[in-house]
C-alpha atoms as a PDB file:
ATOM      1  CA  UNK A   1       2.033   6.477 -24.612  1.00  0.00           C
ATOM      2  CA  UNK A   2       4.865   7.965 -22.869  1.00  0.00           C
ATOM      3  CA  UNK A   3       2.946   7.908 -19.509  1.00  0.00           C
ATOM      4  CA  UNK A   4       2.148   4.140 -20.242  1.00  0.00           C
ATOM      5  CA  UNK A   5       5.865   3.279 -20.840  1.00  0.00           C
ATOM      6  CA  UNK A   6       6.951   5.053 -17.611  1.00  0.00           C
ATOM      7  CA  UNK A   7       4.266   3.569 -15.477  1.00  0.00           C
ATOM      8  CA  UNK A   8       5.165   0.030 -16.864  1.00  0.00           C
ATOM      9  CA  UNK A   9       8.797   0.714 -15.944  1.00  0.00           C
ATOM     10  CA  UNK A  10       7.722   1.834 -12.556  1.00  0.00           C
ATOM     11  CA  UNK A  11       6.010  -1.435 -11.878  1.00  0.00           C
ATOM     12  CA  UNK A  12       9.022  -3.669 -12.698  1.00  0.00           C
ATOM     13  CA  UNK A  13      11.002  -5.181 -10.184  1.00  0.00           C
ATOM     14  CA  UNK A  14      14.863  -4.456 -10.398  1.00  0.00           C
ATOM     15  CA  UNK A  15      16.235  -6.699 -13.103  1.00  0.00           C
ATOM     16  CA  UNK A  16      12.830  -6.943 -14.793  1.00  0.00           C
ATOM     17  CA  UNK A  17      12.938  -6.257 -18.436  1.00  0.00           C
ATOM     18  CA  UNK A  18      10.421  -4.463 -20.797  1.00  0.00           C
ATOM     19  CA  UNK A  19      10.150  -5.447 -24.295  1.00  0.00           C
ATOM     20  CA  UNK A  20       8.134  -3.235 -26.765  1.00  0.00           C
ATOM     21  CA  UNK A  21       7.130  -4.111 -30.237  1.00  0.00           C
ATOM     22  CA  UNK A  22       6.159  -1.137 -32.685  1.00  0.00           C
ATOM     23  CA  UNK A  23       4.487  -1.294 -35.854  1.00  0.00           C
ATOM     24  CA  UNK A  24       4.931   2.243 -37.215  1.00  0.00           C
ATOM     25  CA  UNK A  25       8.036   4.623 -37.285  1.00  0.00           C
ATOM     26  CA  UNK A  26       6.113   7.565 -35.299  1.00  0.00           C
ATOM     27  CA  UNK A  27       5.613   4.763 -32.603  1.00  0.00           C
ATOM     28  CA  UNK A  28       9.006   3.699 -32.638  1.00  0.00           C
ATOM     29  CA  UNK A  29      10.387   7.241 -32.395  1.00  0.00           C
ATOM     30  CA  UNK A  30       8.479   7.921 -29.319  1.00  0.00           C
ATOM     31  CA  UNK A  31       9.270   4.576 -27.507  1.00  0.00           C
ATOM     32  CA  UNK A  32      12.989   5.122 -28.437  1.00  0.00           C
ATOM     33  CA  UNK A  33      13.131   8.714 -27.231  1.00  0.00           C
ATOM     34  CA  UNK A  34      11.084   7.792 -23.779  1.00  0.00           C
ATOM     35  CA  UNK A  35      13.833   4.688 -23.353  1.00  0.00           C
ATOM     36  CA  UNK A  36      16.728   6.993 -23.854  1.00  0.00           C
ATOM     37  CA  UNK A  37      15.157   9.885 -21.466  1.00  0.00           C
ATOM     38  CA  UNK A  38      14.570   7.139 -18.683  1.00  0.00           C
ATOM     39  CA  UNK A  39      18.385   5.901 -19.487  1.00  0.00           C
ATOM     40  CA  UNK A  40      19.638   9.460 -19.111  1.00  0.00           C
ATOM     41  CA  UNK A  41      17.511  11.574 -17.085  1.00  0.00           C
ATOM     42  CA  UNK A  42      20.027  14.285 -16.162  1.00  0.00           C
ATOM     43  CA  UNK A  43      18.700  17.878 -17.360  1.00  0.00           C
ATOM     44  CA  UNK A  44      22.127  19.362 -16.700  1.00  0.00           C
ATOM     45  CA  UNK A  45      23.510  21.641 -19.519  1.00  0.00           C
ATOM     46  CA  UNK A  46      26.062  19.595 -21.590  1.00  0.00           C
ATOM     47  CA  UNK A  47      28.851  22.074 -20.660  1.00  0.00           C
ATOM     48  CA  UNK A  48      28.681  21.250 -16.983  1.00  0.00           C
ATOM     49  CA  UNK A  49      31.629  19.250 -15.873  1.00  0.00           C
ATOM     50  CA  UNK A  50      29.816  17.060 -13.365  1.00  0.00           C
ATOM     51  CA  UNK A  51      25.769  16.477 -12.905  1.00  0.00           C
ATOM     52  CA  UNK A  52      24.203  18.523 -10.350  1.00  0.00           C
ATOM     53  CA  UNK A  53      20.519  17.755 -10.835  1.00  0.00           C
ATOM     54  CA  UNK A  54      21.093  14.429  -9.046  1.00  0.00           C
ATOM     55  CA  UNK A  55      18.794  12.340 -11.412  1.00  0.00           C
ATOM     56  CA  UNK A  56      19.630   8.708 -11.760  1.00  0.00           C
ATOM     57  CA  UNK A  57      19.095   6.304 -14.616  1.00  0.00           C
ATOM     58  CA  UNK A  58      16.217   4.292 -14.296  1.00  0.00           C
ATOM     59  CA  UNK A  59      16.583   1.743 -17.163  1.00  0.00           C
ATOM     60  CA  UNK A  60      19.388   0.222 -19.138  1.00  0.00           C
ATOM     61  CA  UNK A  61      18.811  -0.364 -22.895  1.00  0.00           C
ATOM     62  CA  UNK A  62      19.448  -3.937 -23.722  1.00  0.00           C
ATOM     63  CA  UNK A  63      19.930  -3.570 -27.425  1.00  0.00           C
ATOM     64  CA  UNK A  64      21.146  -0.157 -29.104  1.00  0.00           C
ATOM     65  CA  UNK A  65      19.400  -1.019 -32.346  1.00  0.00           C
ATOM     66  CA  UNK A  66      16.006  -2.569 -32.550  1.00  0.00           C
ATOM     67  CA  UNK A  67      15.496  -6.086 -33.524  1.00  0.00           C
ATOM     68  CA  UNK A  68      13.729  -6.543 -36.776  1.00  0.00           C
ATOM     69  CA  UNK A  69      12.387  -9.603 -38.463  1.00  0.00           C
ATOM     70  CA  UNK A  70      14.528 -11.823 -40.603  1.00  0.00           C
ATOM     71  CA  UNK A  71      13.759 -12.128 -44.494  1.00  0.00           C
ATOM     72  CA  UNK A  72      12.251 -15.500 -43.714  1.00  0.00           C
ATOM     73  CA  UNK A  73       9.795 -14.159 -41.299  1.00  0.00           C
ATOM     74  CA  UNK A  74       8.877 -11.274 -43.572  1.00  0.00           C
ATOM     75  CA  UNK A  75       8.111 -13.875 -46.189  1.00  0.00           C
ATOM     76  CA  UNK A  76       6.034 -16.021 -43.880  1.00  0.00           C
ATOM     77  CA  UNK A  77       4.171 -13.054 -42.123  1.00  0.00           C
ATOM     78  CA  UNK A  78       3.917 -10.005 -44.199  1.00  0.00           C
ATOM     79  CA  UNK A  79       2.506  -8.018 -41.235  1.00  0.00           C
ATOM     80  CA  UNK A  80       5.651  -8.186 -39.517  1.00  0.00           C
ATOM     81  CA  UNK A  81       7.633  -6.209 -42.154  1.00  0.00           C
ATOM     82  CA  UNK A  82       7.405  -2.818 -40.206  1.00  0.00           C
ATOM     83  CA  UNK A  83       7.788  -4.289 -36.655  1.00  0.00           C
ATOM     84  CA  UNK A  84      10.524  -3.430 -34.389  1.00  0.00           C
ATOM     85  CA  UNK A  85      11.345  -4.846 -30.944  1.00  0.00           C
ATOM     86  CA  UNK A  86      13.059  -2.527 -28.148  1.00  0.00           C
ATOM     87  CA  UNK A  87      14.117  -3.944 -24.903  1.00  0.00           C
ATOM     88  CA  UNK A  88      15.071  -2.302 -21.481  1.00  0.00           C
ATOM     89  CA  UNK A  89      16.138  -3.486 -18.087  1.00  0.00           C
ATOM     90  CA  UNK A  90      15.118  -1.723 -14.850  1.00  0.00           C
ATOM     91  CA  UNK A  91      18.382  -0.946 -12.661  1.00  0.00           C
END
């Protein structure tokens, strides 16, 4: 799944957005981790005063917290209870 997300982001034009809906907590964790890594790809140790690896961010995360269904939607569609939507924009 990590490779699929990275490939999808590479295919986007600058300013293009990717939205991913997850239904399981493990899926969500993988997507969240991958998007954060694409937003901050620096591998330098945290005690370095400046970045020397030269890696640039690829995406900007649009919403820090995932968008979850409302109580009304959960009532109308019971399968949506565990869904989470995460969005990122290619820069």
